[in-house]
C-alpha atoms as a PDB file:
ATOM      1  CA  UNK A   1      -0.052   0.035   0.215  1.00  0.00           C
ATOM      2  CA  UNK A   2       1.656   3.420  -0.935  1.00  0.00           C
ATOM      3  CA  UNK A   3       1.888   5.402   1.888  1.00  0.00           C
ATOM      4  CA  UNK A   4       0.878   8.566   0.513  1.00  0.00           C
ATOM      5  CA  UNK A   5      -2.664   6.960  -0.934  1.00  0.00           C
ATOM      6  CA  UNK A   6      -5.237   9.564  -0.146  1.00  0.00           C
ATOM      7  CA  UNK A   7      -7.391   8.280   2.942  1.00  0.00           C
ATOM      8  CA  UNK A   8     -10.205   7.171  -0.030  1.00  0.00           C
ATOM      9  CA  UNK A   9     -13.073   7.583   3.227  1.00  0.00           C
ATOM     10  CA  UNK A  10     -12.876  11.437   2.885  1.00  0.00           C
ATOM     11  CA  UNK A  11     -12.871  11.062  -0.758  1.00  0.00           C
ATOM     12  CA  UNK A  12     -15.726   8.950  -0.833  1.00  0.00           C
ATOM     13  CA  UNK A  13     -17.932  10.274   1.173  1.00  0.00           C
ATOM     14  CA  UNK A  14     -16.358  13.946   2.781  1.00  0.00           C
ATOM     15  CA  UNK A  15     -17.423  14.974   6.131  1.00  0.00           C
ATOM     16  CA  UNK A  16     -20.767  12.985   5.671  1.00  0.00           C
ATOM     17  CA  UNK A  17     -19.424   9.991   6.772  1.00  0.00           C
ATOM     18  CA  UNK A  18     -20.918   9.598   9.909  1.00  0.00           C
ATOM     19  CA  UNK A  19     -24.240  11.392   9.361  1.00  0.00           C
ATOM     20  CA  UNK A  20     -24.926   8.826   6.220  1.00  0.00           C
ATOM     21  CA  UNK A  21     -23.368   5.793   8.781  1.00  0.00           C
ATOM     22  CA  UNK A  22     -20.937   4.338   6.345  1.00  0.00           C
ATOM     23  CA  UNK A  23     -18.123   4.641   8.741  1.00  0.00           C
ATOM     24  CA  UNK A  24     -18.329   1.034   9.399  1.00  0.00           C
ATOM     25  CA  UNK A  25     -18.664  -0.010   5.723  1.00  0.00           C
ATOM     26  CA  UNK A  26     -16.238   2.122   4.375  1.00  0.00           C
ATOM     27  CA  UNK A  27     -13.333   0.367   6.488  1.00  0.00           C
ATOM     28  CA  UNK A  28     -13.258  -2.608   4.433  1.00  0.00           C
ATOM     29  CA  UNK A  29     -12.901  -0.276   1.219  1.00  0.00           C
ATOM     30  CA  UNK A  30      -9.285  -1.605  -0.263  1.00  0.00           C
ATOM     31  CA  UNK A  31      -7.765   1.133  -2.290  1.00  0.00           C
ATOM     32  CA  UNK A  32      -5.071   0.267  -5.057  1.00  0.00           C
ATOM     33  CA  UNK A  33      -2.336   2.179  -7.455  1.00  0.00           C
ATOM     34  CA  UNK A  34      -3.241   4.586 -10.036  1.00  0.00           C
ATOM     35  CA  UNK A  35      -3.626   2.427 -13.236  1.00  0.00           C
ATOM     36  CA  UNK A  36      -1.233   5.882 -14.569  1.00  0.00           C
ATOM     37  CA  UNK A  37       0.661   7.738 -11.974  1.00  0.00           C
ATOM     38  CA  UNK A  38      -0.819  11.344 -12.754  1.00  0.00           C
ATOM     39  CA  UNK A  39      -4.573   9.443 -12.211  1.00  0.00           C
ATOM     40  CA  UNK A  40      -6.141  11.503  -9.548  1.00  0.00           C
ATOM     41  CA  UNK A  41      -8.796   9.252  -7.331  1.00  0.00           C
ATOM     42  CA  UNK A  42     -12.345   8.851  -8.486  1.00  0.00           C
ATOM     43  CA  UNK A  43     -14.853  11.006  -7.676  1.00  0.00           C
ATOM     44  CA  UNK A  44     -18.530   9.774  -6.290  1.00  0.00           C
ATOM     45  CA  UNK A  45     -21.713  11.753  -5.209  1.00  0.00           C
ATOM     46  CA  UNK A  46     -23.735  11.561  -1.892  1.00  0.00           C
ATOM     47  CA  UNK A  47     -24.846   8.033  -0.774  1.00  0.00           C
ATOM     48  CA  UNK A  48     -22.880   5.565  -2.743  1.00  0.00           C
ATOM     49  CA  UNK A  49     -23.889   1.957  -2.335  1.00  0.00           C
ATOM     50  CA  UNK A  50     -20.866  -0.200  -3.546  1.00  0.00           C
ATOM     51  CA  UNK A  51     -21.055  -4.148  -2.626  1.00  0.00           C
ATOM     52  CA  UNK A  52     -17.951  -5.912  -2.008  1.00  0.00           C
ATOM     53  CA  UNK A  53     -15.814  -6.390  -4.662  1.00  0.00           C
ATOM     54  CA  UNK A  54     -16.860  -3.349  -7.330  1.00  0.00           C
ATOM     55  CA  UNK A  55     -13.719  -2.031  -8.884  1.00  0.00           C
ATOM     56  CA  UNK A  56     -13.552   1.603  -9.741  1.00  0.00           C
ATOM     57  CA  UNK A  57     -10.922   3.119 -11.408  1.00  0.00           C
ATOM     58  CA  UNK A  58      -9.029   6.310 -11.305  1.00  0.00           C
ATOM     59  CA  UNK A  59     -10.231   8.880 -13.170  1.00  0.00           C
ATOM     60  CA  UNK A  60     -14.095   8.399 -12.997  1.00  0.00           C
ATOM     61  CA  UNK A  61     -16.763  10.676 -11.876  1.00  0.00           C
ATOM     62  CA  UNK A  62     -19.920   9.297 -10.759  1.00  0.00           C
ATOM     63  CA  UNK A  63     -23.031  11.259  -9.339  1.00  0.00           C
ATOM     64  CA  UNK A  64     -25.506  10.989  -6.323  1.00  0.00           C
ATOM     65  CA  UNK A  65     -26.860   7.143  -5.554  1.00  0.00           C
ATOM     66  CA  UNK A  66     -25.347   5.430  -7.312  1.00  0.00           C
ATOM     67  CA  UNK A  67     -25.591   1.384  -6.973  1.00  0.00           C
ATOM     68  CA  UNK A  68     -23.908  -1.743  -7.260  1.00  0.00           C
ATOM     69  CA  UNK A  69     -24.246  -4.987  -7.773  1.00  0.00           C
ATOM     70  CA  UNK A  70     -20.601  -7.479  -6.922  1.00  0.00           C
ATOM     71  CA  UNK A  71     -18.005  -7.989  -8.896  1.00  0.00           C
ATOM     72  CA  UNK A  72     -18.723  -4.750 -10.871  1.00  0.00           C
ATOM     73  CA  UNK A  73     -15.936  -3.140 -13.119  1.00  0.00           C
ATOM     74  CA  UNK A  74     -16.161   0.801 -14.250  1.00  0.00           C
ATOM     75  CA  UNK A  75     -12.843   1.874 -15.749  1.00  0.00           C
ATOM     76  CA  UNK A  76     -10.650   5.377 -16.200  1.00  0.00           C
ATOM     77  CA  UNK A  77     -12.110   7.949 -17.957  1.00  0.00           C
ATOM     78  CA  UNK A  78     -15.728   7.028 -17.505  1.00  0.00           C
ATOM     79  CA  UNK A  79     -18.600   9.710 -15.964  1.00  0.00           C
ATOM     80  CA  UNK A  80     -21.694   8.403 -14.878  1.00  0.00           C
ATOM     81  CA  UNK A  81     -24.622  10.818 -13.918  1.00  0.00           C
ATOM     82  CA  UNK A  82     -26.962  10.454 -11.079  1.00  0.00           C
ATOM     83  CA  UNK A  83     -29.724   7.833  -9.820  1.00  0.00           C
ATOM     84  CA  UNK A  84     -27.730   4.871 -11.648  1.00  0.00           C
ATOM     85  CA  UNK A  85     -27.761   1.524 -10.913  1.00  0.00           C
ATOM     86  CA  UNK A  86     -25.459  -1.359 -11.926  1.00  0.00           C
ATOM     87  CA  UNK A  87     -25.711  -4.602 -11.513  1.00  0.00           C
ATOM     88  CA  UNK A  88     -23.551  -7.808 -11.299  1.00  0.00           C
ATOM     89  CA  UNK A  89     -21.043  -8.396 -13.276  1.00  0.00           C
ATOM     90  CA  UNK A  90     -21.314  -5.648 -15.161  1.00  0.00           C
ATOM     91  CA  UNK A  91     -18.292  -4.480 -17.232  1.00  0.00           C
ATOM     92  CA  UNK A  92     -18.286  -0.939 -18.217  1.00  0.00           C
ATOM     93  CA  UNK A  93     -14.604  -0.762 -19.993  1.00  0.00           C
ATOM     94  CA  UNK A  94     -13.462   2.826 -19.801  1.00  0.00           C
ATOM     95  CA  UNK A  95     -13.333   6.675 -21.851  1.00  0.00           C
ATOM     96  CA  UNK A  96     -17.465   6.134 -21.535  1.00  0.00           C
ATOM     97  CA  UNK A  97     -20.505   8.370 -21.045  1.00  0.00           C
ATOM     98  CA  UNK A  98     -23.418   7.326 -19.042  1.00  0.00           C
ATOM     99  CA  UNK A  99     -26.759   9.741 -17.964  1.00  0.00           C
ATOM    100  CA  UNK A 100     -29.003   9.842 -15.196  1.00  0.00           C
ATOM    101  CA  UNK A 101     -31.547   7.390 -13.820  1.00  0.00           C
ATOM    102  CA  UNK A 102     -29.780   4.388 -15.593  1.00  0.00           C
ATOM    103  CA  UNK A 103     -30.588   1.072 -15.140  1.00  0.00           C
ATOM    104  CA  UNK A 104     -27.693  -1.541 -16.222  1.00  0.00           C
ATOM    105  CA  UNK A 105     -28.899  -5.049 -15.389  1.00  0.00           C
ATOM    106  CA  UNK A 106     -26.155  -7.809 -14.072  1.00  0.00           C
ATOM    107  CA  UNK A 107     -23.782  -9.188 -16.636  1.00  0.00           C
ATOM    108  CA  UNK A 108     -23.521  -6.467 -18.768  1.00  0.00           C
ATOM    109  CA  UNK A 109     -21.210  -5.699 -21.327  1.00  0.00           C
ATOM    110  CA  UNK A 110     -20.531  -1.551 -22.060  1.00  0.00           C
ATOM    111  CA  UNK A 111     -17.425  -1.157 -24.299  1.00  0.00           C
ATOM    112  CA  UNK A 112     -14.482   1.815 -24.072  1.00  0.00           C
ATOM    113  CA  UNK A 113     -15.884   5.106 -26.638  1.00  0.00           C
ATOM    114  CA  UNK A 114     -19.673   4.048 -24.984  1.00  0.00           C
ATOM    115  CA  UNK A 115     -22.862   6.741 -24.733  1.00  0.00           C
ATOM    116  CA  UNK A 116     -26.102   6.124 -22.407  1.00  0.00           C
ATOM    117  CA  UNK A 117     -27.857   9.117 -22.590  1.00  0.00           C
ATOM    118  CA  UNK A 118     -30.598   9.229 -19.687  1.00  0.00           C
ATOM    119  CA  UNK A 119     -33.475   7.072 -18.538  1.00  0.00           C
ATOM    120  CA  UNK A 120     -32.336   4.289 -20.093  1.00  0.00           C
ATOM    121  CA  UNK A 121     -32.647   0.499 -19.199  1.00  0.00           C
ATOM    122  CA  UNK A 122     -29.827  -2.215 -20.030  1.00  0.00           C
ATOM    123  CA  UNK A 123     -31.246  -5.814 -19.439  1.00  0.00           C
ATOM    124  CA  UNK A 124     -29.394  -8.187 -17.388  1.00  0.00           C
ATOM    125  CA  UNK A 125     -26.642 -10.275 -20.394  1.00  0.00           C
ATOM    126  CA  UNK A 126     -26.636  -7.845 -23.367  1.00  0.00           C
ATOM    127  CA  UNK A 127     -23.234  -7.109 -24.809  1.00  0.00           C
ATOM    128  CA  UNK A 128     -21.979  -4.293 -26.995  1.00  0.00           C
ATOM    129  CA  UNK A 129     -18.870  -4.150 -28.997  1.00  0.00           C
ATOM    130  CA  UNK A 130     -16.526  -1.480 -30.445  1.00  0.00           C
ATOM    131  CA  UNK A 131     -14.213  -3.292 -33.227  1.00  0.00           C
ATOM    132  CA  UNK A 132     -16.031  -4.420 -36.442  1.00  0.00           C
ATOM    133  CA  UNK A 133     -13.084  -6.169 -37.919  1.00  0.00           C
ATOM    134  CA  UNK A 134     -11.114  -7.808 -34.749  1.00  0.00           C
ATOM    135  CA  UNK A 135      -7.566  -8.271 -35.454  1.00  0.00           C
ATOM    136  CA  UNK A 136      -8.179  -7.642 -39.321  1.00  0.00           C
ATOM    137  CA  UNK A 137      -7.435  -4.127 -39.807  1.00  0.00           C
ATOM    138  CA  UNK A 138      -6.630  -0.967 -37.757  1.00  0.00           C
ATOM    139  CA  UNK A 139     -10.568  -0.127 -37.092  1.00  0.00           C
ATOM    140  CA  UNK A 140     -11.287   3.032 -34.487  1.00  0.00           C
ATOM    141  CA  UNK A 141     -13.036   2.196 -31.768  1.00  0.00           C
ATOM    142  CA  UNK A 142     -16.773   2.399 -31.261  1.00  0.00           C
ATOM    143  CA  UNK A 143     -18.693   1.685 -29.047  1.00  0.00           C
ATOM    144  CA  UNK A 144     -22.688   2.115 -28.946  1.00  0.00           C
ATOM    145  CA  UNK A 145     -25.118   5.330 -28.787  1.00  0.00           C
ATOM    146  CA  UNK A 146     -28.299   5.185 -26.460  1.00  0.00           C
ATOM    147  CA  UNK A 147     -30.327   7.967 -27.075  1.00  0.00           C
ATOM    148  CA  UNK A 148     -32.567   8.606 -23.744  1.00  0.00           C
ATOM    149  CA  UNK A 149     -35.851   6.020 -22.691  1.00  0.00           C
ATOM    150  CA  UNK A 150     -34.597   3.434 -24.849  1.00  0.00           C
ATOM    151  CA  UNK A 151     -34.958  -0.296 -23.666  1.00  0.00           C
ATOM    152  CA  UNK A 152     -32.592  -3.247 -24.340  1.00  0.00           C
ATOM    153  CA  UNK A 153     -33.530  -6.565 -23.801  1.00  0.00           C
ATOM    154  CA  UNK A 154     -31.401  -9.464 -21.896  1.00  0.00           C
ATOM    155  CA  UNK A 155     -29.327 -11.538 -23.900  1.00  0.00           C
ATOM    156  CA  UNK A 156     -29.118  -8.646 -26.844  1.00  0.00           C
ATOM    157  CA  UNK A 157     -26.097  -8.234 -29.006  1.00  0.00           C
ATOM    158  CA  UNK A 158     -24.538  -5.085 -31.115  1.00  0.00           C
ATOM    159  CA  UNK A 159     -21.773  -4.899 -33.463  1.00  0.00           C
ATOM    160  CA  UNK A 160     -19.884  -1.869 -33.071  1.00  0.00           C
ATOM    161  CA  UNK A 161     -21.022   1.948 -33.632  1.00  0.00           C
ATOM    162  CA  UNK A 162     -24.148   0.873 -33.250  1.00  0.00           C
ATOM    163  CA  UNK A 163     -27.004   3.912 -32.524  1.00  0.00           C
ATOM    164  CA  UNK A 164     -30.693   3.027 -30.541  1.00  0.00           C
ATOM    165  CA  UNK A 165     -32.846   6.549 -30.740  1.00  0.00           C
ATOM    166  CA  UNK A 166     -35.005   7.778 -28.411  1.00  0.00           C
ATOM    167  CA  UNK A 167     -37.502   5.675 -26.655  1.00  0.00           C
ATOM    168  CA  UNK A 168     -36.363   2.770 -29.055  1.00  0.00           C
ATOM    169  CA  UNK A 169     -37.250  -1.150 -27.737  1.00  0.00           C
ATOM    170  CA  UNK A 170     -34.897  -3.622 -28.306  1.00  0.00           C
ATOM    171  CA  UNK A 171     -36.486  -7.535 -27.736  1.00  0.00           C
ATOM    172  CA  UNK A 172     -34.039  -9.792 -26.160  1.00  0.00           C
ATOM    173  CA  UNK A 173     -32.212 -11.588 -27.789  1.00  0.00           C
ATOM    174  CA  UNK A 174     -31.994  -9.753 -30.647  1.00  0.00           C
ATOM    175  CA  UNK A 175     -28.414  -9.303 -32.997  1.00  0.00           C
ATOM    176  CA  UNK A 176     -28.960  -5.759 -33.562  1.00  0.00           C
ATOM    177  CA  UNK A 177     -26.129  -5.220 -36.999  1.00  0.00           C
ATOM    178  CA  UNK A 178     -27.643  -1.800 -37.825  1.00  0.00           C
ATOM    179  CA  UNK A 179     -29.225   1.890 -35.997  1.00  0.00           C
ATOM    180  CA  UNK A 180     -32.312   1.432 -34.960  1.00  0.00           C
ATOM    181  CA  UNK A 181     -34.127   4.550 -35.920  1.00  0.00           C
ATOM    182  CA  UNK A 182     -37.403   5.481 -35.292  1.00  0.00           C
ATOM    183  CA  UNK A 183     -39.661   3.256 -36.858  1.00  0.00           C
ATOM    184  CA  UNK A 184     -40.086  -0.102 -36.997  1.00  0.00           C
ATOM    185  CA  UNK A 185     -36.531  -1.995 -37.567  1.00  0.00           C
ATOM    186  CA  UNK A 186     -36.537  -5.133 -40.660  1.00  0.00           C
ATOM    187  CA  UNK A 187     -32.702  -5.652 -39.496  1.00  0.00           C
ATOM    188  CA  UNK A 188     -32.998  -7.285 -36.610  1.00  0.00           C
ATOM    189  CA  UNK A 189     -35.286  -9.150 -33.615  1.00  0.00           C
ATOM    190  CA  UNK A 190     -36.391  -5.393 -32.347  1.00  0.00           C
ATOM    191  CA  UNK A 191     -39.372  -3.318 -31.994  1.00  0.00           C
ATOM    192  CA  UNK A 192     -39.572   0.027 -31.713  1.00  0.00           C
ATOM    193  CA  UNK A 193     -42.084   1.380 -29.168  1.00  0.00           C
ATOM    194  CA  UNK A 194     -42.006   5.730 -29.812  1.00  0.00           C
ATOM    195  CA  UNK A 195     -41.457   8.001 -27.845  1.00  0.00           C
ATOM    196  CA  UNK A 196     -41.536   6.807 -24.024  1.00  0.00           C
ATOM    197  CA  UNK A 197     -44.376   9.248 -23.492  1.00  0.00           C
ATOM    198  CA  UNK A 198     -46.310   8.755 -26.314  1.00  0.00           C
ATOM    199  CA  UNK A 199     -45.882   4.821 -25.908  1.00  0.00           C
ATOM    200  CA  UNK A 200     -47.218   2.530 -22.604  1.00  0.00           C
ATOM    201  CA  UNK A 201     -44.912   5.084 -20.959  1.00  0.00           C
ATOM    202  CA  UNK A 202     -41.495   5.856 -19.593  1.00  0.00           C
ATOM    203  CA  UNK A 203     -39.416   3.827 -18.734  1.00  0.00           C
ATOM    204  CA  UNK A 204     -39.728   3.217 -14.692  1.00  0.00           C
ATOM    205  CA  UNK A 205     -36.172   2.337 -13.139  1.00  0.00           C
END
Protein backbone atom coordinates (compact mmCIF):
# COMPACT_ATOMS: atom_id res chain seq x y z
CA UNK A 1 0.00 0.00 0.00
CA UNK A 2 1.40 3.39 -0.98
CA UNK A 3 2.04 5.43 2.18
CA UNK A 4 0.99 8.58 0.32
CA UNK A 5 -2.31 7.13 -0.85
CA UNK A 6 -5.13 9.58 0.05
CA UNK A 7 -7.78 8.62 2.58
CA UNK A 8 -10.36 6.87 0.41
CA UNK A 9 -13.14 7.34 2.95
CA UNK A 10 -12.75 11.11 2.82
CA UNK A 11 -12.68 11.00 -0.98
CA UNK A 12 -15.89 8.98 -1.15
CA UNK A 13 -17.90 10.40 1.71
CA UNK A 14 -16.26 13.65 2.84
CA UNK A 15 -17.49 15.12 6.10
CA UNK A 16 -20.84 13.34 5.79
CA UNK A 17 -19.42 9.88 6.39
CA UNK A 18 -20.78 9.51 9.92
CA UNK A 19 -24.03 11.30 9.07
CA UNK A 20 -24.79 8.70 6.39
CA UNK A 21 -23.77 5.82 8.64
CA UNK A 22 -21.03 4.55 6.33
CA UNK A 23 -18.10 4.72 8.71
CA UNK A 24 -17.78 1.00 9.40
CA UNK A 25 -18.67 -0.10 5.87
CA UNK A 26 -16.18 2.25 4.24
CA UNK A 27 -13.37 0.84 6.36
CA UNK A 28 -13.64 -2.34 4.27
CA UNK A 29 -12.73 -0.55 1.03
CA UNK A 30 -9.44 -1.73 -0.48
CA UNK A 31 -7.37 0.93 -2.23
CA UNK A 32 -4.81 0.02 -4.89
CA UNK A 33 -2.39 2.02 -6.99
CA UNK A 34 -3.62 4.36 -9.73
CA UNK A 35 -3.55 2.97 -13.26
CA UNK A 36 -1.34 5.93 -14.27
CA UNK A 37 1.09 7.98 -12.23
CA UNK A 38 -0.80 11.26 -12.64
CA UNK A 39 -4.34 9.90 -12.57
CA UNK A 40 -6.81 11.33 -10.06
CA UNK A 41 -8.90 9.35 -7.54
CA UNK A 42 -12.53 8.70 -8.48
CA UNK A 43 -15.11 11.30 -7.51
CA UNK A 44 -18.34 9.76 -6.19
CA UNK A 45 -21.45 11.70 -5.15
CA UNK A 46 -23.67 11.32 -2.12
CA UNK A 47 -25.28 8.15 -0.81
CA UNK A 48 -23.44 5.48 -2.85
CA UNK A 49 -23.97 1.76 -2.27
CA UNK A 50 -20.97 -0.20 -3.54
CA UNK A 51 -21.28 -3.94 -2.99
CA UNK A 52 -18.36 -6.30 -2.51
CA UNK A 53 -15.66 -6.60 -5.18
CA UNK A 54 -16.74 -3.47 -7.03
CA UNK A 55 -13.66 -1.97 -8.72
CA UNK A 56 -13.62 1.70 -9.76
CA UNK A 57 -10.55 3.06 -11.56
CA UNK A 58 -9.09 6.52 -11.16
CA UNK A 59 -10.33 9.37 -13.37
CA UNK A 60 -13.97 8.33 -12.91
CA UNK A 61 -16.73 10.79 -11.98
CA UNK A 62 -20.02 9.47 -10.57
CA UNK A 63 -23.12 11.36 -9.39
CA UNK A 64 -25.36 10.75 -6.39
CA UNK A 65 -27.11 7.52 -5.39
CA UNK A 66 -24.99 5.05 -7.34
CA UNK A 67 -25.88 1.42 -6.58
CA UNK A 68 -23.77 -1.50 -7.73
CA UNK A 69 -24.13 -5.24 -7.51
CA UNK A 70 -21.16 -7.48 -6.76
CA UNK A 71 -18.07 -7.77 -8.99
CA UNK A 72 -18.73 -4.59 -10.98
CA UNK A 73 -15.85 -3.05 -12.97
CA UNK A 74 -15.85 0.64 -13.96
CA UNK A 75 -12.71 1.64 -15.82
CA UNK A 76 -10.96 5.00 -16.32
CA UNK A 77 -12.32 8.14 -18.02
CA UNK A 78 -15.94 7.21 -17.33
CA UNK A 79 -18.62 9.69 -16.30
CA UNK A 80 -21.84 8.47 -14.68
CA UNK A 81 -24.86 10.61 -13.70
CA UNK A 82 -27.22 10.45 -10.73
CA UNK A 83 -29.48 7.56 -9.67
CA UNK A 84 -27.73 4.84 -11.65
CA UNK A 85 -27.97 1.10 -10.96
CA UNK A 86 -25.20 -1.20 -12.22
CA UNK A 87 -25.89 -4.90 -11.76
CA UNK A 88 -23.65 -7.76 -10.65
CA UNK A 89 -20.76 -8.78 -12.96
CA UNK A 90 -21.24 -5.81 -15.27
CA UNK A 91 -18.14 -4.42 -17.01
CA UNK A 92 -17.78 -0.82 -18.22
CA UNK A 93 -14.51 -0.64 -20.13
CA UNK A 94 -13.86 3.07 -19.77
CA UNK A 95 -13.78 6.29 -21.83
CA UNK A 96 -17.57 6.22 -21.66
CA UNK A 97 -20.46 8.42 -20.59
CA UNK A 98 -23.62 7.22 -18.83
CA UNK A 99 -26.49 9.58 -18.04
CA UNK A 100 -28.84 9.79 -15.06
CA UNK A 101 -31.64 7.41 -14.04
CA UNK A 102 -30.07 4.53 -15.95
CA UNK A 103 -30.61 0.89 -15.01
CA UNK A 104 -27.93 -1.54 -16.18
CA UNK A 105 -28.76 -5.08 -15.16
CA UNK A 106 -26.39 -7.96 -14.36
CA UNK A 107 -23.75 -9.36 -16.73
CA UNK A 108 -23.85 -6.43 -19.16
CA UNK A 109 -20.72 -5.60 -21.20
CA UNK A 110 -20.16 -1.99 -22.28
CA UNK A 111 -16.98 -1.50 -24.33
CA UNK A 112 -14.71 1.51 -24.52
CA UNK A 113 -16.32 4.63 -26.04
CA UNK A 114 -19.92 3.84 -25.06
CA UNK A 115 -22.47 6.66 -24.77
CA UNK A 116 -25.69 6.07 -22.80
CA UNK A 117 -28.20 8.90 -22.35
CA UNK A 118 -30.71 9.42 -19.50
CA UNK A 119 -33.58 7.08 -18.56
CA UNK A 120 -32.19 4.05 -20.37
CA UNK A 121 -32.84 0.43 -19.34
CA UNK A 122 -30.34 -2.27 -20.33
CA UNK A 123 -31.46 -5.83 -19.64
CA UNK A 124 -29.27 -8.62 -18.24
CA UNK A 125 -26.53 -10.14 -20.38
CA UNK A 126 -26.75 -7.48 -23.11
CA UNK A 127 -23.43 -7.29 -24.97
CA UNK A 128 -22.19 -4.26 -26.90
CA UNK A 129 -19.04 -4.20 -29.04
CA UNK A 130 -16.78 -1.49 -30.46
CA UNK A 131 -14.65 -3.27 -33.06
CA UNK A 132 -16.30 -4.42 -36.27
CA UNK A 133 -13.17 -6.10 -37.65
CA UNK A 134 -11.37 -7.65 -34.66
CA UNK A 135 -7.65 -8.33 -35.27
CA UNK A 136 -8.11 -7.98 -39.05
CA UNK A 137 -7.56 -4.29 -39.79
CA UNK A 138 -6.69 -1.13 -37.91
CA UNK A 139 -10.03 0.29 -36.84
CA UNK A 140 -11.19 3.18 -34.66
CA UNK A 141 -13.07 1.75 -31.68
CA UNK A 142 -16.66 3.01 -31.67
CA UNK A 143 -19.06 1.84 -28.99
CA UNK A 144 -22.86 2.12 -28.89
CA UNK A 145 -24.94 5.29 -28.65
CA UNK A 146 -28.14 4.62 -26.72
CA UNK A 147 -30.52 7.58 -26.80
CA UNK A 148 -32.79 8.78 -24.02
CA UNK A 149 -35.58 6.49 -22.86
CA UNK A 150 -34.50 3.44 -24.88
CA UNK A 151 -34.94 -0.10 -23.54
CA UNK A 152 -32.51 -2.89 -24.41
CA UNK A 153 -33.74 -6.46 -24.00
CA UNK A 154 -31.92 -9.29 -22.24
CA UNK A 155 -29.25 -11.23 -24.13
CA UNK A 156 -29.22 -8.79 -27.05
CA UNK A 157 -25.96 -8.36 -28.97
CA UNK A 158 -24.84 -5.21 -30.77
CA UNK A 159 -22.17 -4.77 -33.41
CA UNK A 160 -19.93 -1.73 -33.09
CA UNK A 161 -21.07 1.91 -33.65
CA UNK A 162 -24.78 1.06 -33.34
CA UNK A 163 -27.13 3.92 -32.42
CA UNK A 164 -30.47 3.14 -30.75
CA UNK A 165 -32.98 5.97 -31.15
CA UNK A 166 -34.86 7.81 -28.43
CA UNK A 167 -37.54 5.67 -26.82
CA UNK A 168 -36.73 2.62 -28.96
CA UNK A 169 -37.17 -0.89 -27.61
CA UNK A 170 -34.86 -3.71 -28.65
CA UNK A 171 -36.29 -7.18 -28.06
CA UNK A 172 -34.62 -9.86 -25.96
CA UNK A 173 -32.13 -11.96 -27.88
CA UNK A 174 -31.81 -9.49 -30.76
CA UNK A 175 -28.68 -9.35 -32.88
CA UNK A 176 -28.48 -5.70 -33.90
CA UNK A 177 -26.34 -5.03 -36.97
CA UNK A 178 -27.61 -1.56 -37.98
CA UNK A 179 -28.97 1.54 -36.30
CA UNK A 180 -32.45 1.45 -34.78
CA UNK A 181 -34.25 4.61 -35.90
CA UNK A 182 -37.77 5.99 -35.40
CA UNK A 183 -39.89 3.20 -36.78
CA UNK A 184 -39.94 -0.60 -36.98
CA UNK A 185 -36.53 -2.16 -37.37
CA UNK A 186 -36.60 -4.81 -40.09
CA UNK A 187 -32.90 -5.63 -39.91
CA UNK A 188 -32.96 -7.44 -36.59
CA UNK A 189 -35.32 -8.99 -34.08
CA UNK A 190 -36.37 -5.78 -32.39
CA UNK A 191 -39.37 -3.52 -32.02
CA UNK A 192 -39.76 0.22 -31.72
CA UNK A 193 -42.29 1.78 -29.38
CA UNK A 194 -41.85 5.47 -30.17
CA UNK A 195 -41.10 8.20 -27.62
CA UNK A 196 -41.83 6.95 -24.09
CA UNK A 197 -44.65 9.43 -23.49
CA UNK A 198 -46.46 8.34 -26.65
CA UNK A 199 -46.19 4.60 -26.20
CA UNK A 200 -46.65 2.75 -22.94
CA UNK A 201 -45.28 5.38 -20.57
CA UNK A 202 -41.70 6.11 -19.56
CA UNK A 203 -39.25 3.56 -18.27
CA UNK A 204 -40.00 2.84 -14.61
CA UNK A 205 -36.42 2.52 -13.37
